[in-house]
Amino acid sequence: MQQRLSNALARARDTFAAFTAGQKAVAVIGTAALLIAAFLVFRWVSAPSLRPAVLQPLGEGRQRDRRRARLRGRAVPGSPTAAARSWCRATTCTPTG
């Protein structure tokens, strides 16, 4: 077992020694980039989610307000459409929706 490991390391060292300077630089930079990427992915995957496990439905009053706003053709407060329409009013563009 120790002999196999020693042979594998010697083969890798000989292969790396045969590289040109540019190939060595690319190999070192590529290995470093892979290690950093693996570290960042591991941290991202292991981070807890900050949203609730079960999303609660909107309260009855908020649902009613959304329905009324939709029926009147107005943007629902807090929605992307509301932000776009307020931006359009401020910049005098003509909204499409």
PDB file of N, CA and C in Angstrom:
ATOM      1  N   MET A   1       0.829  -1.196   0.000  1.00  0.00           N
ATOM      2  CA  MET A   1       0.000   0.000   0.000  1.00  0.00           C
ATOM      3  C   MET A   1       0.875   1.261   0.000  1.00  0.00           C
ATOM      4  N   GLN A   2       1.883   1.269   0.858  1.00  0.00           N
ATOM      5  CA  GLN A   2       2.764   2.426   0.931  1.00  0.00           C
ATOM      6  C   GLN A   2       3.569   2.575  -0.363  1.00  0.00           C
ATOM      7  N   GLN A   3       3.916   1.460  -0.942  1.00  0.00           N
ATOM      8  CA  GLN A   3       4.667   1.461  -2.212  1.00  0.00           C
ATOM      9  C   GLN A   3       3.817   2.060  -3.336  1.00  0.00           C
ATOM     10  N   ARG A   4       2.522   1.698  -3.379  1.00  0.00           N
ATOM     11  CA  ARG A   4       1.626   2.246  -4.413  1.00  0.00           C
ATOM     12  C   ARG A   4       1.497   3.753  -4.287  1.00  0.00           C
ATOM     13  N   LEU A   5       1.337   4.204  -3.041  1.00  0.00           N
ATOM     14  CA  LEU A   5       1.201   5.647  -2.803  1.00  0.00           C
ATOM     15  C   LEU A   5       2.480   6.374  -3.204  1.00  0.00           C
ATOM     16  N   SER A   6       3.603   5.811  -2.844  1.00  0.00           N
ATOM     17  CA  SER A   6       4.894   6.405  -3.199  1.00  0.00           C
ATOM     18  C   SER A   6       5.071   6.461  -4.718  1.00  0.00           C
ATOM     19  N   ASN A   7       4.696   5.391  -5.412  1.00  0.00           N
ATOM     20  CA  ASN A   7       4.793   5.376  -6.875  1.00  0.00           C
ATOM     21  C   ASN A   7       3.866   6.408  -7.515  1.00  0.00           C
ATOM     22  N   ALA A   8       2.653   6.525  -6.988  1.00  0.00           N
ATOM     23  CA  ALA A   8       1.696   7.491  -7.543  1.00  0.00           C
ATOM     24  C   ALA A   8       2.201   8.920  -7.348  1.00  0.00           C
ATOM     25  N   LEU A   9       2.723   9.227  -6.181  1.00  0.00           N
ATOM     26  CA  LEU A   9       3.261  10.570  -5.933  1.00  0.00           C
ATOM     27  C   LEU A   9       4.467  10.860  -6.816  1.00  0.00           C
ATOM     28  N   ALA A  10       5.337   9.874  -7.004  1.00  0.00           N
ATOM     29  CA  ALA A  10       6.512  10.057  -7.864  1.00  0.00           C
ATOM     30  C   ALA A  10       6.080  10.291  -9.307  1.00  0.00           C
ATOM     31  N   ARG A  11       5.064   9.541  -9.775  1.00  0.00           N
ATOM     32  CA  ARG A  11       4.564   9.725 -11.133  1.00  0.00           C
ATOM     33  C   ARG A  11       3.956  11.120 -11.309  1.00  0.00           C
ATOM     34  N   ALA A  12       3.188  11.586 -10.313  1.00  0.00           N
ATOM     35  CA  ALA A  12       2.587  12.925 -10.390  1.00  0.00           C
ATOM     36  C   ALA A  12       3.670  14.001 -10.382  1.00  0.00           C
ATOM     37  N   ARG A  13       4.687  13.832  -9.540  1.00  0.00           N
ATOM     38  CA  ARG A  13       5.780  14.800  -9.467  1.00  0.00           C
ATOM     39  C   ARG A  13       6.544  14.857 -10.791  1.00  0.00           C
ATOM     40  N   ASP A  14       6.798  13.704 -11.395  1.00  0.00           N
ATOM     41  CA  ASP A  14       7.505  13.662 -12.685  1.00  0.00           C
ATOM     42  C   ASP A  14       6.676  14.310 -13.791  1.00  0.00           C
ATOM     43  N   THR A  15       5.383  14.043 -13.778  1.00  0.00           N
ATOM     44  CA  THR A  15       4.500  14.645 -14.788  1.00  0.00           C
ATOM     45  C   THR A  15       4.487  16.157 -14.646  1.00  0.00           C
ATOM     46  N   PHE A  16       4.368  16.649 -13.393  1.00  0.00           N
ATOM     47  CA  PHE A  16       4.339  18.098 -13.167  1.00  0.00           C
ATOM     48  C   PHE A  16       5.676  18.737 -13.536  1.00  0.00           C
ATOM     49  N   ALA A  17       6.766  18.040 -13.293  1.00  0.00           N
ATOM     50  CA  ALA A  17       8.093  18.567 -13.629  1.00  0.00           C
ATOM     51  C   ALA A  17       8.272  18.688 -15.143  1.00  0.00           C
ATOM     52  N   ALA A  18       7.559  17.872 -15.916  1.00  0.00           N
ATOM     53  CA  ALA A  18       7.677  17.925 -17.367  1.00  0.00           C
ATOM     54  C   ALA A  18       6.869  19.069 -17.987  1.00  0.00           C
ATOM     55  N   PHE A  19       6.022  19.708 -17.207  1.00  0.00           N
ATOM     56  CA  PHE A  19       5.208  20.831 -17.714  1.00  0.00           C
ATOM     57  C   PHE A  19       6.084  22.039 -18.009  1.00  0.00           C
ATOM     58  N   THR A  20       5.636  22.868 -18.943  1.00  0.00           N
ATOM     59  CA  THR A  20       6.297  24.149 -19.191  1.00  0.00           C
ATOM     60  C   THR A  20       5.857  25.129 -18.097  1.00  0.00           C
ATOM     61  N   ALA A  21       6.481  26.299 -18.061  1.00  0.00           N
ATOM     62  CA  ALA A  21       6.153  27.289 -17.023  1.00  0.00           C
ATOM     63  C   ALA A  21       4.692  27.737 -17.137  1.00  0.00           C
ATOM     64  N   GLY A  22       4.208  27.926 -18.362  1.00  0.00           N
ATOM     65  CA  GLY A  22       2.818  28.335 -18.563  1.00  0.00           C
ATOM     66  C   GLY A  22       1.833  27.267 -18.116  1.00  0.00           C
ATOM     67  N   GLN A  23       2.157  26.010 -18.417  1.00  0.00           N
ATOM     68  CA  GLN A  23       1.290  24.900 -17.997  1.00  0.00           C
ATOM     69  C   GLN A  23       1.256  24.777 -16.473  1.00  0.00           C
ATOM     70  N   LYS A  24       2.402  24.989 -15.839  1.00  0.00           N
ATOM     71  CA  LYS A  24       2.457  24.941 -14.376  1.00  0.00           C
ATOM     72  C   LYS A  24       1.594  26.049 -13.770  1.00  0.00           C
ATOM     73  N   ALA A  25       1.676  27.248 -14.334  1.00  0.00           N
ATOM     74  CA  ALA A  25       0.894  28.372 -13.817  1.00  0.00           C
ATOM     75  C   ALA A  25      -0.600  28.094 -13.956  1.00  0.00           C
ATOM     76  N   VAL A  26      -1.008  27.594 -15.100  1.00  0.00           N
ATOM     77  CA  VAL A  26      -2.418  27.285 -15.327  1.00  0.00           C
ATOM     78  C   VAL A  26      -2.879  26.179 -14.388  1.00  0.00           C
ATOM     79  N   ALA A  27      -2.050  25.178 -14.177  1.00  0.00           N
ATOM     80  CA  ALA A  27      -2.416  24.075 -13.287  1.00  0.00           C
ATOM     81  C   ALA A  27      -2.579  24.559 -11.850  1.00  0.00           C
ATOM     82  N   VAL A  28      -1.672  25.402 -11.393  1.00  0.00           N
ATOM     83  CA  VAL A  28      -1.749  25.918 -10.020  1.00  0.00           C
ATOM     84  C   VAL A  28      -2.963  26.828  -9.862  1.00  0.00           C
ATOM     85  N   ILE A  29      -3.170  27.734 -10.807  1.00  0.00           N
ATOM     86  CA  ILE A  29      -4.313  28.657 -10.722  1.00  0.00           C
ATOM     87  C   ILE A  29      -5.626  27.889 -10.829  1.00  0.00           C
ATOM     88  N   GLY A  30      -5.698  26.910 -11.720  1.00  0.00           N
ATOM     89  CA  GLY A  30      -6.915  26.111 -11.865  1.00  0.00           C
ATOM     90  C   GLY A  30      -7.235  25.320 -10.607  1.00  0.00           C
ATOM     91  N   THR A  31      -6.204  24.729 -10.005  1.00  0.00           N
ATOM     92  CA  THR A  31      -6.419  23.977  -8.767  1.00  0.00           C
ATOM     93  C   THR A  31      -6.897  24.894  -7.649  1.00  0.00           C
ATOM     94  N   ALA A  32      -6.291  26.064  -7.540  1.00  0.00           N
ATOM     95  CA  ALA A  32      -6.718  27.024  -6.513  1.00  0.00           C
ATOM     96  C   ALA A  32      -8.165  27.459  -6.750  1.00  0.00           C
ATOM     97  N   ALA A  33      -8.521  27.712  -8.000  1.00  0.00           N
ATOM     98  CA  ALA A  33      -9.893  28.123  -8.313  1.00  0.00           C
ATOM     99  C   ALA A  33     -10.895  27.017  -7.965  1.00  0.00           C
ATOM    100  N   LEU A  34     -10.554  25.776  -8.258  1.00  0.00           N
ATOM    101  CA  LEU A  34     -11.438  24.659  -7.908  1.00  0.00           C
ATOM    102  C   LEU A  34     -11.605  24.520  -6.401  1.00  0.00           C
ATOM    103  N   LEU A  35     -10.530  24.695  -5.652  1.00  0.00           N
ATOM    104  CA  LEU A  35     -10.630  24.603  -4.195  1.00  0.00           C
ATOM    105  C   LEU A  35     -11.490  25.726  -3.620  1.00  0.00           C
ATOM    106  N   ILE A  36     -11.314  26.942  -4.130  1.00  0.00           N
ATOM    107  CA  ILE A  36     -12.126  28.069  -3.662  1.00  0.00           C
ATOM    108  C   ILE A  36     -13.594  27.849  -4.026  1.00  0.00           C
ATOM    109  N   ALA A  37     -13.855  27.394  -5.236  1.00  0.00           N
ATOM    110  CA  ALA A  37     -15.242  27.145  -5.658  1.00  0.00           C
ATOM    111  C   ALA A  37     -15.884  26.063  -4.798  1.00  0.00           C
ATOM    112  N   ALA A  38     -15.145  24.993  -4.507  1.00  0.00           N
ATOM    113  CA  ALA A  38     -15.685  23.923  -3.660  1.00  0.00           C
ATOM    114  C   ALA A  38     -15.994  24.449  -2.266  1.00  0.00           C
ATOM    115  N   PHE A  39     -15.131  25.286  -1.729  1.00  0.00           N
ATOM    116  CA  PHE A  39     -15.366  25.876  -0.411  1.00  0.00           C
ATOM    117  C   PHE A  39     -16.619  26.749  -0.412  1.00  0.00           C
ATOM    118  N   LEU A  40     -16.759  27.597  -1.446  1.00  0.00           N
ATOM    119  CA  LEU A  40     -17.922  28.486  -1.515  1.00  0.00           C
ATOM    120  C   LEU A  40     -19.221  27.701  -1.706  1.00  0.00           C
ATOM    121  N   VAL A  41     -19.199  26.672  -2.519  1.00  0.00           N
ATOM    122  CA  VAL A  41     -20.396  25.849  -2.713  1.00  0.00           C
ATOM    123  C   VAL A  41     -20.757  25.131  -1.416  1.00  0.00           C
ATOM    124  N   PHE A  42     -19.768  24.625  -0.711  1.00  0.00           N
ATOM    125  CA  PHE A  42     -20.034  23.950   0.561  1.00  0.00           C
ATOM    126  C   PHE A  42     -20.670  24.917   1.555  1.00  0.00           C
ATOM    127  N   ARG A  43     -20.156  26.138   1.634  1.00  0.00           N
ATOM    128  CA  ARG A  43     -20.743  27.126   2.558  1.00  0.00           C
ATOM    129  C   ARG A  43     -22.158  27.486   2.146  1.00  0.00           C
ATOM    130  N   TRP A  44     -22.403  27.626   0.839  1.00  0.00           N
ATOM    131  CA  TRP A  44     -23.738  27.980   0.352  1.00  0.00           C
ATOM    132  C   TRP A  44     -24.741  26.875   0.661  1.00  0.00           C
ATOM    133  N   VAL A  45     -24.350  25.618   0.439  1.00  0.00           N
ATOM    134  CA  VAL A  45     -25.252  24.493   0.661  1.00  0.00           C
ATOM    135  C   VAL A  45     -25.541  24.313   2.146  1.00  0.00           C
ATOM    136  N   SER A  46     -24.552  24.553   2.989  1.00  0.00           N
ATOM    137  CA  SER A  46     -24.735  24.307   4.414  1.00  0.00           C
ATOM    138  C   SER A  46     -25.389  25.473   5.148  1.00  0.00           C
ATOM    139  N   ALA A  47     -25.583  26.606   4.484  1.00  0.00           N
ATOM    140  CA  ALA A  47     -26.218  27.760   5.139  1.00  0.00           C
ATOM    141  C   ALA A  47     -27.706  27.490   5.331  1.00  0.00           C
ATOM    142  N   PRO A  48     -28.256  27.878   6.488  1.00  0.00           N
ATOM    143  CA  PRO A  48     -29.679  27.640   6.716  1.00  0.00           C
ATOM    144  C   PRO A  48     -30.538  28.593   5.893  1.00  0.00           C
ATOM    145  N   SER A  49     -31.718  28.134   5.568  1.00  0.00           N
ATOM    146  CA  SER A  49     -32.675  28.977   4.873  1.00  0.00           C
ATOM    147  C   SER A  49     -33.351  29.872   5.897  1.00  0.00           C
ATOM    148  N   LEU A  50     -33.526  31.131   5.600  1.00  0.00           N
ATOM    149  CA  LEU A  50     -34.096  32.063   6.569  1.00  0.00           C
ATOM    150  C   LEU A  50     -35.591  32.271   6.376  1.00  0.00           C
ATOM    151  N   ARG A  51     -36.195  31.536   5.463  1.00  0.00           N
ATOM    152  CA  ARG A  51     -37.636  31.692   5.284  1.00  0.00           C
ATOM    153  C   ARG A  51     -38.350  30.637   6.115  1.00  0.00           C
ATOM    154  N   PRO A  52     -39.594  30.891   6.493  1.00  0.00           N
ATOM    155  CA  PRO A  52     -40.312  29.916   7.305  1.00  0.00           C
ATOM    156  C   PRO A  52     -40.530  28.610   6.551  1.00  0.00           C
ATOM    157  N   ALA A  53     -40.582  27.528   7.312  1.00  0.00           N
ATOM    158  CA  ALA A  53     -40.757  26.215   6.694  1.00  0.00           C
ATOM    159  C   ALA A  53     -42.112  26.112   6.002  1.00  0.00           C
ATOM    160  N   VAL A  54     -43.146  26.709   6.595  1.00  0.00           N
ATOM    161  CA  VAL A  54     -44.488  26.693   6.020  1.00  0.00           C
ATOM    162  C   VAL A  54     -44.901  28.137   5.797  1.00  0.00           C
ATOM    163  N   LEU A  55     -45.177  28.474   4.555  1.00  0.00           N
ATOM    164  CA  LEU A  55     -45.602  29.835   4.259  1.00  0.00           C
ATOM    165  C   LEU A  55     -47.063  30.002   4.651  1.00  0.00           C
ATOM    166  N   GLN A  56     -47.336  31.030   5.432  1.00  0.00           N
ATOM    167  CA  GLN A  56     -48.692  31.280   5.884  1.00  0.00           C
ATOM    168  C   GLN A  56     -49.458  32.026   4.799  1.00  0.00           C
ATOM    169  N   PRO A  57     -50.737  31.710   4.612  1.00  0.00           N
ATOM    170  CA  PRO A  57     -51.530  32.453   3.631  1.00  0.00           C
ATOM    171  C   PRO A  57     -51.735  33.891   4.099  1.00  0.00           C
ATOM    172  N   LEU A  58     -52.025  34.760   3.162  1.00  0.00           N
ATOM    173  CA  LEU A  58     -52.278  36.156   3.509  1.00  0.00           C
ATOM    174  C   LEU A  58     -53.505  36.254   4.398  1.00  0.00           C
ATOM    175  N   GLY A  59     -53.513  37.266   5.252  1.00  0.00           N
ATOM    176  CA  GLY A  59     -54.683  37.494   6.086  1.00  0.00           C
ATOM    177  C   GLY A  59     -55.879  37.871   5.212  1.00  0.00           C
ATOM    178  N   GLU A  60     -57.066  37.701   5.752  1.00  0.00           N
ATOM    179  CA  GLU A  60     -58.278  37.956   4.967  1.00  0.00           C
ATOM    180  C   GLU A  60     -58.329  39.398   4.466  1.00  0.00           C
ATOM    181  N   GLY A  61     -57.939  40.350   5.288  1.00  0.00           N
ATOM    182  CA  GLY A  61     -57.961  41.756   4.878  1.00  0.00           C
ATOM    183  C   GLY A  61     -57.007  42.030   3.729  1.00  0.00           C
ATOM    184  N   ARG A  62     -55.811  41.456   3.795  1.00  0.00           N
ATOM    185  CA  ARG A  62     -54.809  41.664   2.739  1.00  0.00           C
ATOM    186  C   ARG A  62     -55.273  41.008   1.433  1.00  0.00           C
ATOM    187  N   GLN A  63     -55.876  39.829   1.530  1.00  0.00           N
ATOM    188  CA  GLN A  63     -56.405  39.180   0.327  1.00  0.00           C
ATOM    189  C   GLN A  63     -57.498  40.035  -0.306  1.00  0.00           C
ATOM    190  N   ARG A  64     -58.368  40.595   0.525  1.00  0.00           N
ATOM    191  CA  ARG A  64     -59.452  41.431   0.012  1.00  0.00           C
ATOM    192  C   ARG A  64     -58.879  42.675  -0.676  1.00  0.00           C
ATOM    193  N   ASP A  65     -57.870  43.294  -0.069  1.00  0.00           N
ATOM    194  CA  ASP A  65     -57.248  44.474  -0.677  1.00  0.00           C
ATOM    195  C   ASP A  65     -56.621  44.136  -2.032  1.00  0.00           C
ATOM    196  N   ARG A  66     -55.977  42.994  -2.124  1.00  0.00           N
ATOM    197  CA  ARG A  66     -55.369  42.594  -3.391  1.00  0.00           C
ATOM    198  C   ARG A  66     -56.432  42.358  -4.463  1.00  0.00           C
ATOM    199  N   ARG A  67     -57.530  41.682  -4.070  1.00  0.00           N
ATOM    200  CA  ARG A  67     -58.611  41.439  -5.025  1.00  0.00           C
ATOM    201  C   ARG A  67     -59.203  42.754  -5.531  1.00  0.00           C
ATOM    202  N   ARG A  68     -59.462  43.678  -4.624  1.00  0.00           N
ATOM    203  CA  ARG A  68     -60.039  44.973  -5.012  1.00  0.00           C
ATOM    204  C   ARG A  68     -59.093  45.728  -5.946  1.00  0.00           C
ATOM    205  N   ALA A  69     -57.827  45.747  -5.608  1.00  0.00           N
ATOM    206  CA  ALA A  69     -56.856  46.461  -6.444  1.00  0.00           C
ATOM    207  C   ALA A  69     -56.785  45.831  -7.828  1.00  0.00           C
ATOM    208  N   ARG A  70     -56.824  44.496  -7.890  1.00  0.00           N
ATOM    209  CA  ARG A  70     -56.772  43.813  -9.181  1.00  0.00           C
ATOM    210  C   ARG A  70     -58.019  44.137 -10.002  1.00  0.00           C
ATOM    211  N   LEU A  71     -59.193  44.153  -9.353  1.00  0.00           N
ATOM    212  CA  LEU A  71     -60.434  44.431 -10.075  1.00  0.00           C
ATOM    213  C   LEU A  71     -60.472  45.867 -10.582  1.00  0.00           C
ATOM    214  N   ARG A  72     -59.900  46.776  -9.831  1.00  0.00           N
ATOM    215  CA  ARG A  72     -59.885  48.182 -10.249  1.00  0.00           C
ATOM    216  C   ARG A  72     -58.778  48.480 -11.257  1.00  0.00           C
ATOM    217  N   GLY A  73     -57.936  47.500 -11.531  1.00  0.00           N
ATOM    218  CA  GLY A  73     -56.864  47.707 -12.501  1.00  0.00           C
ATOM    219  C   GLY A  73     -55.677  48.440 -11.924  1.00  0.00           C
ATOM    220  N   ARG A  74     -55.606  48.505 -10.605  1.00  0.00           N
ATOM    221  CA  ARG A  74     -54.482  49.175  -9.963  1.00  0.00           C
ATOM    222  C   ARG A  74     -53.424  48.152  -9.598  1.00  0.00           C
ATOM    223  N   ALA A  75     -52.236  48.647  -9.394  1.00  0.00           N
ATOM    224  CA  ALA A  75     -51.152  47.766  -8.960  1.00  0.00           C
ATOM    225  C   ALA A  75     -51.333  47.464  -7.480  1.00  0.00           C
ATOM    226  N   VAL A  76     -51.065  46.245  -7.111  1.00  0.00           N
ATOM    227  CA  VAL A  76     -51.146  45.834  -5.710  1.00  0.00           C
ATOM    228  C   VAL A  76     -49.927  46.395  -4.992  1.00  0.00           C
ATOM    229  N   PRO A  77     -50.134  47.087  -3.846  1.00  0.00           N
ATOM    230  CA  PRO A  77     -48.985  47.648  -3.126  1.00  0.00           C
ATOM    231  C   PRO A  77     -47.979  46.561  -2.770  1.00  0.00           C
ATOM    232  N   GLY A  78     -46.713  46.866  -2.990  1.00  0.00           N
ATOM    233  CA  GLY A  78     -45.663  45.910  -2.669  1.00  0.00           C
ATOM    234  C   GLY A  78     -45.315  44.955  -3.790  1.00  0.00           C
ATOM    235  N   SER A  79     -46.008  45.030  -4.910  1.00  0.00           N
ATOM    236  CA  SER A  79     -45.723  44.122  -6.015  1.00  0.00           C
ATOM    237  C   SER A  79     -44.764  44.794  -6.997  1.00  0.00           C
ATOM    238  N   PRO A  80     -44.108  44.029  -7.845  1.00  0.00           N
ATOM    239  CA  PRO A  80     -43.220  44.622  -8.838  1.00  0.00           C
ATOM    240  C   PRO A  80     -43.967  45.564  -9.781  1.00  0.00           C
ATOM    241  N   THR A  81     -45.234  45.258 -10.047  1.00  0.00           N
ATOM    242  CA  THR A  81     -46.017  46.112 -10.934  1.00  0.00           C
ATOM    243  C   THR A  81     -46.214  47.487 -10.307  1.00  0.00           C
ATOM    244  N   ALA A  82     -46.444  47.526  -8.981  1.00  0.00           N
ATOM    245  CA  ALA A  82     -46.624  48.809  -8.298  1.00  0.00           C
ATOM    246  C   ALA A  82     -45.366  49.651  -8.404  1.00  0.00           C
ATOM    247  N   ALA A  83     -44.211  49.031  -8.227  1.00  0.00           N
ATOM    248  CA  ALA A  83     -42.957  49.776  -8.326  1.00  0.00           C
ATOM    249  C   ALA A  83     -42.753  50.290  -9.747  1.00  0.00           C
ATOM    250  N   ALA A  84     -43.073  49.469 -10.734  1.00  0.00           N
ATOM    251  CA  ALA A  84     -42.900  49.888 -12.123  1.00  0.00           C
ATOM    252  C   ALA A  84     -43.829  51.047 -12.459  1.00  0.00           C
ATOM    253  N   ARG A  85     -45.063  50.979 -11.980  1.00  0.00           N
ATOM    254  CA  ARG A  85     -45.996  52.066 -12.287  1.00  0.00           C
ATOM    255  C   ARG A  85     -45.598  53.351 -11.602  1.00  0.00           C
ATOM    256  N   SER A  86     -45.112  53.286 -10.364  1.00  0.00           N
ATOM    257  CA  SER A  86     -44.689  54.515  -9.697  1.00  0.00           C
ATOM    258  C   SER A  86     -43.458  55.088 -10.392  1.00  0.00           C
ATOM    259  N   TRP A  87     -42.575  54.226 -10.884  1.00  0.00           N
ATOM    260  CA  TRP A  87     -41.412  54.703 -11.616  1.00  0.00           C
ATOM    261  C   TRP A  87     -41.859  55.365 -12.913  1.00  0.00           C
ATOM    262  N   CYS A  88     -42.846  54.761 -13.592  1.00  0.00           N
ATOM    263  CA  CYS A  88     -43.335  55.330 -14.845  1.00  0.00           C
ATOM    264  C   CYS A  88     -43.968  56.697 -14.606  1.00  0.00           C
ATOM    265  N   ARG A  89     -44.705  56.847 -13.491  1.00  0.00           N
ATOM    266  CA  ARG A  89     -45.295  58.158 -13.200  1.00  0.00           C
ATOM    267  C   ARG A  89     -44.211  59.195 -12.970  1.00  0.00           C
ATOM    268  N   ALA A  90     -43.142  58.773 -12.296  1.00  0.00           N
ATOM    269  CA  ALA A  90     -42.059  59.713 -11.986  1.00  0.00           C
ATOM    270  C   ALA A  90     -41.270  60.087 -13.229  1.00  0.00           C
ATOM    271  N   THR A  91     -41.185  59.179 -14.206  1.00  0.00           N
ATOM    272  CA  THR A  91     -40.380  59.453 -15.400  1.00  0.00           C
ATOM    273  C   THR A  91     -41.246  59.746 -16.620  1.00  0.00           C
ATOM    274  N   THR A  92     -42.518  59.875 -16.451  1.00  0.00           N
ATOM    275  CA  THR A  92     -43.505  60.174 -17.510  1.00  0.00           C
ATOM    276  C   THR A  92     -43.422  59.209 -18.687  1.00  0.00           C
ATOM    277  N   CYS A  93     -43.250  57.931 -18.372  1.00  0.00           N
ATOM    278  CA  CYS A  93     -43.333  56.947 -19.444  1.00  0.00           C
ATOM    279  C   CYS A  93     -44.771  56.416 -19.494  1.00  0.00           C
ATOM    280  N   THR A  94     -45.097  55.757 -20.541  1.00  0.00           N
ATOM    281  CA  THR A  94     -46.451  55.221 -20.647  1.00  0.00           C
ATOM    282  C   THR A  94     -46.421  53.751 -20.278  1.00  0.00           C
ATOM    283  N   PRO A  95     -47.089  53.363 -19.182  1.00  0.00           N
ATOM    284  CA  PRO A  95     -47.102  51.960 -18.798  1.00  0.00           C
ATOM    285  C   PRO A  95     -47.867  51.112 -19.791  1.00  0.00           C
ATOM    286  N   THR A  96     -47.441  49.889 -19.945  1.00  0.00           N
ATOM    287  CA  THR A  96     -48.108  49.002 -20.904  1.00  0.00           C
ATOM    288  C   THR A  96     -49.155  48.151 -20.245  1.00  0.00           C
ATOM    289  N   GLY A  97     -49.132  48.014 -18.938  1.00  0.00           N
ATOM    290  CA  GLY A  97     -50.039  47.082 -18.277  1.00  0.00           C
ATOM    291  C   GLY A  97     -50.997  47.690 -17.339  1.00  0.00           C
TER     292      GLY A  97
END
